[in-house]
Amino acid sequence: MRKEILNDESKMSQFITSINIIIIAGGELS
């Protein structure tokens, strides 16, 4: 149970990080 929760949190943080990178890259392009 705990491993699954940790796995979900790590996936979520990777997802948020990639969104932040896209936002930063988009901001630099415009």
Protein backbone atom coordinates (compact mmCIF):
# COMPACT_ATOMS: atom_id res chain seq x y z
CA MET A 1 0.00 0.00 0.00
CA ARG A 2 2.69 2.48 1.01
CA LYS A 3 4.84 1.68 -2.00
CA GLU A 4 1.91 2.40 -4.33
CA ILE A 5 1.26 5.76 -2.65
CA LEU A 6 4.94 6.72 -2.91
CA ASN A 7 4.96 5.64 -6.56
CA ASP A 8 1.91 7.80 -7.30
CA GLU A 9 3.50 10.79 -5.55
CA SER A 10 6.72 10.42 -7.54
CA LYS A 11 4.75 10.18 -10.79
CA MET A 12 2.76 13.28 -9.79
CA SER A 13 5.90 15.27 -8.97
CA GLN A 14 7.46 14.25 -12.30
CA PHE A 15 4.27 15.37 -14.05
CA ILE A 16 4.30 18.74 -12.23
CA THR A 17 7.99 19.20 -13.02
CA SER A 18 7.45 18.56 -16.73
CA ILE A 19 4.52 21.03 -16.76
CA ASN A 20 6.72 23.65 -15.07
CA ILE A 21 9.45 23.09 -17.67
CA ILE A 22 6.92 23.50 -20.49
CA ILE A 23 5.58 26.71 -18.91
CA ILE A 24 9.09 28.14 -18.44
CA ALA A 25 10.12 27.17 -21.99
CA GLY A 26 6.90 28.66 -23.38
CA GLY A 27 7.47 31.87 -21.43
CA GLU A 28 10.99 32.20 -22.85
CA LEU A 29 9.72 31.63 -26.40
CA SER A 30 7.04 34.32 -26.26
